[in-house]
Amino acid sequence: MAPKISAKFRRKNGIPFSIERLSGMQYRCRVCNALFYSKNEIFRHLKKHEKRHEKRDSHVPQLDHLVSTKVIYTLDLYDRGRAKYLKLPDGEELDEL
């Protein structure tokens, strides 16, 4: 399964913002830099490289640089379920989407 971002939606003085938490796991092939979301997928992919006898240098994204990936953006249902019990700072309110 793809990593997901769980978002809590708020408003501060009428201006909308969100609190986002990234969770999940992904695997990267260091031969072709492809992304996979399960061990089975990447192991099947690595076997293909094995069959082709590819001996290339490994590619690793540079540290502290942006990389692109796919994530699923979701609503934090736990936060929504306890909406009436939230104690938010002054000027901050739950944003009803």
N, C-alpha and C. Protein backbone atom coordinates (compact mmCIF):
# COMPACT_ATOMS: atom_id res chain seq x y z
N MET A 1 0.84 -1.18 0.00
CA MET A 1 0.00 0.00 0.00
C MET A 1 0.88 1.24 0.00
N ALA A 2 0.45 2.23 -0.71
CA ALA A 2 1.20 3.48 -0.81
C ALA A 2 1.23 4.20 0.54
N PRO A 3 2.30 4.95 0.81
CA PRO A 3 2.31 5.77 2.02
C PRO A 3 1.14 6.73 1.99
N LYS A 4 0.68 7.14 3.16
CA LYS A 4 -0.44 8.07 3.18
C LYS A 4 -0.17 9.23 4.10
N ILE A 5 -0.81 10.34 3.79
CA ILE A 5 -0.77 11.53 4.62
C ILE A 5 -2.12 11.64 5.29
N SER A 6 -2.11 11.65 6.61
CA SER A 6 -3.33 11.82 7.38
C SER A 6 -3.41 13.29 7.79
N ALA A 7 -4.47 13.97 7.38
CA ALA A 7 -4.56 15.41 7.59
C ALA A 7 -5.67 15.79 8.56
N LYS A 8 -5.35 16.75 9.43
CA LYS A 8 -6.32 17.37 10.33
C LYS A 8 -6.53 18.78 9.80
N PHE A 9 -7.76 19.15 9.55
CA PHE A 9 -8.04 20.45 8.97
C PHE A 9 -8.51 21.42 10.03
N ARG A 10 -7.89 22.60 10.06
CA ARG A 10 -8.18 23.62 11.05
C ARG A 10 -8.31 24.98 10.38
N ARG A 11 -8.82 25.93 11.15
CA ARG A 11 -8.84 27.35 10.76
C ARG A 11 -8.32 28.16 11.92
N LYS A 12 -7.45 29.10 11.61
CA LYS A 12 -6.91 30.03 12.61
C LYS A 12 -7.29 31.42 12.16
N ASN A 13 -8.14 32.07 12.95
CA ASN A 13 -8.64 33.41 12.61
C ASN A 13 -9.24 33.44 11.21
N GLY A 14 -9.97 32.38 10.86
CA GLY A 14 -10.66 32.30 9.58
C GLY A 14 -9.80 31.83 8.41
N ILE A 15 -8.51 31.58 8.63
CA ILE A 15 -7.61 31.16 7.56
C ILE A 15 -7.38 29.66 7.68
N PRO A 16 -7.70 28.87 6.62
CA PRO A 16 -7.57 27.41 6.71
C PRO A 16 -6.11 26.95 6.63
N PHE A 17 -5.81 25.91 7.42
CA PHE A 17 -4.51 25.24 7.34
C PHE A 17 -4.73 23.78 7.72
N SER A 18 -3.70 22.95 7.54
CA SER A 18 -3.83 21.54 7.90
C SER A 18 -2.59 21.07 8.66
N ILE A 19 -2.79 20.07 9.48
CA ILE A 19 -1.72 19.40 10.20
C ILE A 19 -1.62 18.03 9.55
N GLU A 20 -0.45 17.71 8.98
CA GLU A 20 -0.32 16.49 8.17
C GLU A 20 0.73 15.56 8.77
N ARG A 21 0.41 14.27 8.75
CA ARG A 21 1.34 13.24 9.24
C ARG A 21 1.52 12.19 8.16
N LEU A 22 2.76 11.96 7.78
CA LEU A 22 3.08 10.96 6.75
C LEU A 22 3.34 9.62 7.42
N SER A 23 2.69 8.58 6.92
CA SER A 23 2.93 7.24 7.44
C SER A 23 2.98 6.25 6.29
N GLY A 24 3.61 5.13 6.51
CA GLY A 24 3.71 4.11 5.48
C GLY A 24 5.15 3.82 5.15
N MET A 25 5.33 2.96 4.17
CA MET A 25 6.67 2.52 3.80
C MET A 25 6.73 2.36 2.29
N GLN A 26 7.88 2.65 1.72
CA GLN A 26 8.09 2.42 0.30
C GLN A 26 9.50 1.89 0.09
N TYR A 27 9.71 1.23 -1.04
CA TYR A 27 11.00 0.61 -1.36
C TYR A 27 11.48 1.19 -2.68
N ARG A 28 12.78 1.42 -2.80
CA ARG A 28 13.35 2.03 -4.01
C ARG A 28 14.41 1.10 -4.60
N CYS A 29 14.30 0.84 -5.90
CA CYS A 29 15.32 0.08 -6.62
C CYS A 29 16.48 1.04 -6.88
N ARG A 30 17.67 0.64 -6.48
CA ARG A 30 18.83 1.51 -6.66
C ARG A 30 19.50 1.32 -8.00
N VAL A 31 18.96 0.45 -8.84
CA VAL A 31 19.47 0.30 -10.20
C VAL A 31 18.74 1.27 -11.12
N CYS A 32 17.40 1.27 -11.06
CA CYS A 32 16.62 2.13 -11.97
C CYS A 32 15.85 3.23 -11.25
N ASN A 33 15.95 3.32 -9.93
CA ASN A 33 15.32 4.37 -9.13
C ASN A 33 13.80 4.28 -9.11
N ALA A 34 13.22 3.10 -9.36
CA ALA A 34 11.77 2.92 -9.35
C ALA A 34 11.29 2.73 -7.90
N LEU A 35 10.02 3.12 -7.64
CA LEU A 35 9.42 2.99 -6.31
C LEU A 35 8.45 1.82 -6.26
N PHE A 36 8.41 1.13 -5.12
CA PHE A 36 7.48 0.02 -4.90
C PHE A 36 6.92 0.14 -3.50
N TYR A 37 5.72 -0.42 -3.30
CA TYR A 37 5.03 -0.26 -2.02
C TYR A 37 4.96 -1.53 -1.20
N SER A 38 5.53 -2.64 -1.69
CA SER A 38 5.59 -3.86 -0.89
C SER A 38 6.89 -4.61 -1.20
N LYS A 39 7.30 -5.45 -0.26
CA LYS A 39 8.53 -6.23 -0.46
C LYS A 39 8.38 -7.18 -1.63
N ASN A 40 7.20 -7.78 -1.78
CA ASN A 40 7.00 -8.72 -2.90
C ASN A 40 7.22 -8.03 -4.24
N GLU A 41 6.70 -6.81 -4.38
CA GLU A 41 6.86 -6.09 -5.65
C GLU A 41 8.33 -5.83 -5.96
N ILE A 42 9.06 -5.34 -4.97
CA ILE A 42 10.47 -5.01 -5.26
C ILE A 42 11.29 -6.28 -5.48
N PHE A 43 10.99 -7.36 -4.77
CA PHE A 43 11.75 -8.60 -4.97
C PHE A 43 11.52 -9.17 -6.37
N ARG A 44 10.27 -9.10 -6.87
CA ARG A 44 10.00 -9.52 -8.26
C ARG A 44 10.79 -8.65 -9.24
N HIS A 45 10.80 -7.35 -8.97
CA HIS A 45 11.52 -6.41 -9.83
C HIS A 45 13.02 -6.71 -9.82
N LEU A 46 13.58 -6.98 -8.64
CA LEU A 46 15.02 -7.26 -8.54
C LEU A 46 15.40 -8.54 -9.28
N LYS A 47 14.50 -9.50 -9.31
CA LYS A 47 14.77 -10.74 -10.06
C LYS A 47 14.89 -10.44 -11.55
N LYS A 48 14.12 -9.48 -12.05
CA LYS A 48 14.23 -9.11 -13.47
C LYS A 48 15.62 -8.53 -13.76
N HIS A 49 16.13 -7.70 -12.83
CA HIS A 49 17.48 -7.16 -13.02
C HIS A 49 18.51 -8.29 -12.96
N GLU A 50 18.28 -9.27 -12.10
CA GLU A 50 19.17 -10.42 -11.98
C GLU A 50 19.25 -11.19 -13.30
N LYS A 51 18.09 -11.41 -13.92
CA LYS A 51 18.03 -12.16 -15.17
C LYS A 51 18.75 -11.44 -16.29
N ARG A 52 18.72 -10.13 -16.27
CA ARG A 52 19.38 -9.35 -17.33
C ARG A 52 20.87 -9.17 -17.04
N HIS A 53 21.32 -9.62 -15.88
CA HIS A 53 22.72 -9.50 -15.48
C HIS A 53 23.19 -8.05 -15.53
N GLU A 54 22.36 -7.16 -15.03
CA GLU A 54 22.73 -5.74 -15.05
C GLU A 54 23.66 -5.44 -13.89
N LYS A 55 24.77 -4.89 -14.20
CA LYS A 55 25.75 -4.48 -13.19
C LYS A 55 26.00 -2.98 -13.36
N ARG A 56 25.03 -2.21 -12.92
CA ARG A 56 25.17 -0.76 -13.04
C ARG A 56 25.49 -0.17 -11.67
N ASP A 57 25.93 1.07 -11.68
CA ASP A 57 26.14 1.77 -10.42
C ASP A 57 24.81 1.97 -9.72
N SER A 58 24.86 2.07 -8.41
CA SER A 58 23.62 2.28 -7.67
C SER A 58 23.26 3.77 -7.69
N HIS A 59 21.97 4.02 -7.79
CA HIS A 59 21.44 5.39 -7.78
C HIS A 59 20.69 5.59 -6.48
N VAL A 60 21.09 6.54 -5.73
CA VAL A 60 20.43 6.87 -4.48
C VAL A 60 20.09 8.35 -4.53
N PRO A 61 18.85 8.73 -4.15
CA PRO A 61 18.55 10.16 -4.12
C PRO A 61 19.53 10.88 -3.20
N GLN A 62 19.88 12.09 -3.58
CA GLN A 62 20.80 12.86 -2.76
C GLN A 62 20.10 13.26 -1.47
N LEU A 63 20.84 13.19 -0.38
CA LEU A 63 20.28 13.60 0.91
C LEU A 63 20.01 15.10 0.90
N ASP A 64 18.98 15.51 1.59
CA ASP A 64 18.58 16.92 1.70
C ASP A 64 18.14 17.52 0.37
N HIS A 65 17.69 16.69 -0.57
CA HIS A 65 17.13 17.17 -1.83
C HIS A 65 15.72 16.61 -1.96
N LEU A 66 14.89 17.29 -2.72
CA LEU A 66 13.52 16.84 -2.91
C LEU A 66 13.47 15.61 -3.80
N VAL A 67 12.59 14.68 -3.46
CA VAL A 67 12.33 13.52 -4.30
C VAL A 67 10.83 13.48 -4.56
N SER A 68 10.43 12.86 -5.64
CA SER A 68 9.00 12.76 -5.91
C SER A 68 8.52 11.35 -5.58
N THR A 69 7.32 11.26 -5.07
CA THR A 69 6.72 9.99 -4.73
C THR A 69 5.21 10.15 -4.80
N LYS A 70 4.48 9.05 -4.70
CA LYS A 70 3.02 9.11 -4.68
C LYS A 70 2.55 8.76 -3.27
N VAL A 71 1.63 9.55 -2.75
CA VAL A 71 1.03 9.29 -1.44
C VAL A 71 -0.48 9.43 -1.56
N ILE A 72 -1.18 8.85 -0.62
CA ILE A 72 -2.64 8.99 -0.56
C ILE A 72 -2.95 10.02 0.51
N TYR A 73 -3.71 11.05 0.16
CA TYR A 73 -4.07 12.12 1.09
C TYR A 73 -5.40 11.75 1.73
N THR A 74 -5.43 11.58 3.06
CA THR A 74 -6.62 11.12 3.75
C THR A 74 -7.01 12.06 4.89
N LEU A 75 -8.28 11.98 5.26
CA LEU A 75 -8.80 12.75 6.39
C LEU A 75 -8.57 11.95 7.66
N ASP A 76 -8.10 12.59 8.72
CA ASP A 76 -7.88 11.93 10.01
C ASP A 76 -9.23 11.72 10.68
N LEU A 77 -9.77 10.51 10.58
CA LEU A 77 -11.11 10.22 11.11
C LEU A 77 -11.13 10.22 12.64
N TYR A 78 -10.02 9.87 13.27
CA TYR A 78 -9.96 9.91 14.72
C TYR A 78 -10.16 11.34 15.22
N ASP A 79 -9.51 12.27 14.55
CA ASP A 79 -9.64 13.69 14.90
C ASP A 79 -11.09 14.15 14.70
N ARG A 80 -11.71 13.72 13.61
CA ARG A 80 -13.09 14.11 13.30
C ARG A 80 -14.06 13.53 14.32
N GLY A 81 -13.78 12.30 14.79
CA GLY A 81 -14.67 11.63 15.74
C GLY A 81 -14.66 12.25 17.12
N ARG A 82 -13.59 12.90 17.49
CA ARG A 82 -13.53 13.52 18.81
C ARG A 82 -13.64 15.03 18.73
N ALA A 83 -14.29 15.53 17.70
CA ALA A 83 -14.38 16.97 17.43
C ALA A 83 -14.97 17.75 18.60
N LYS A 84 -15.99 17.22 19.23
CA LYS A 84 -16.63 18.00 20.30
C LYS A 84 -15.80 18.01 21.58
N TYR A 85 -14.77 17.17 21.70
CA TYR A 85 -13.92 17.12 22.88
C TYR A 85 -12.59 17.85 22.70
N LEU A 86 -12.33 18.36 21.48
CA LEU A 86 -11.06 19.03 21.22
C LEU A 86 -10.97 20.34 21.99
N LYS A 87 -9.80 20.59 22.57
CA LYS A 87 -9.52 21.87 23.22
C LYS A 87 -8.47 22.56 22.36
N LEU A 88 -8.91 23.45 21.51
CA LEU A 88 -8.02 24.12 20.57
C LEU A 88 -7.59 25.48 21.13
N PRO A 89 -6.40 25.96 20.73
CA PRO A 89 -5.94 27.28 21.17
C PRO A 89 -6.90 28.38 20.71
N ASP A 90 -6.78 29.55 21.33
CA ASP A 90 -7.64 30.69 20.97
C ASP A 90 -7.51 31.04 19.50
N GLY A 91 -8.64 31.30 18.86
CA GLY A 91 -8.65 31.68 17.47
C GLY A 91 -8.59 30.49 16.50
N GLU A 92 -8.41 29.28 17.03
CA GLU A 92 -8.30 28.09 16.17
C GLU A 92 -9.58 27.28 16.29
N GLU A 93 -10.07 26.79 15.17
CA GLU A 93 -11.30 25.99 15.15
C GLU A 93 -11.17 24.84 14.14
N LEU A 94 -11.98 23.84 14.32
CA LEU A 94 -12.02 22.71 13.40
C LEU A 94 -12.62 23.17 12.08
N ASP A 95 -11.99 22.80 10.98
CA ASP A 95 -12.50 23.17 9.66
C ASP A 95 -13.38 22.06 9.14
N GLU A 96 -14.66 22.30 8.98
CA GLU A 96 -15.59 21.31 8.45
C GLU A 96 -15.53 21.35 6.93
N LEU A 97 -15.03 20.27 6.35
CA LEU A 97 -14.95 20.20 4.87
C LEU A 97 -16.23 19.71 4.30
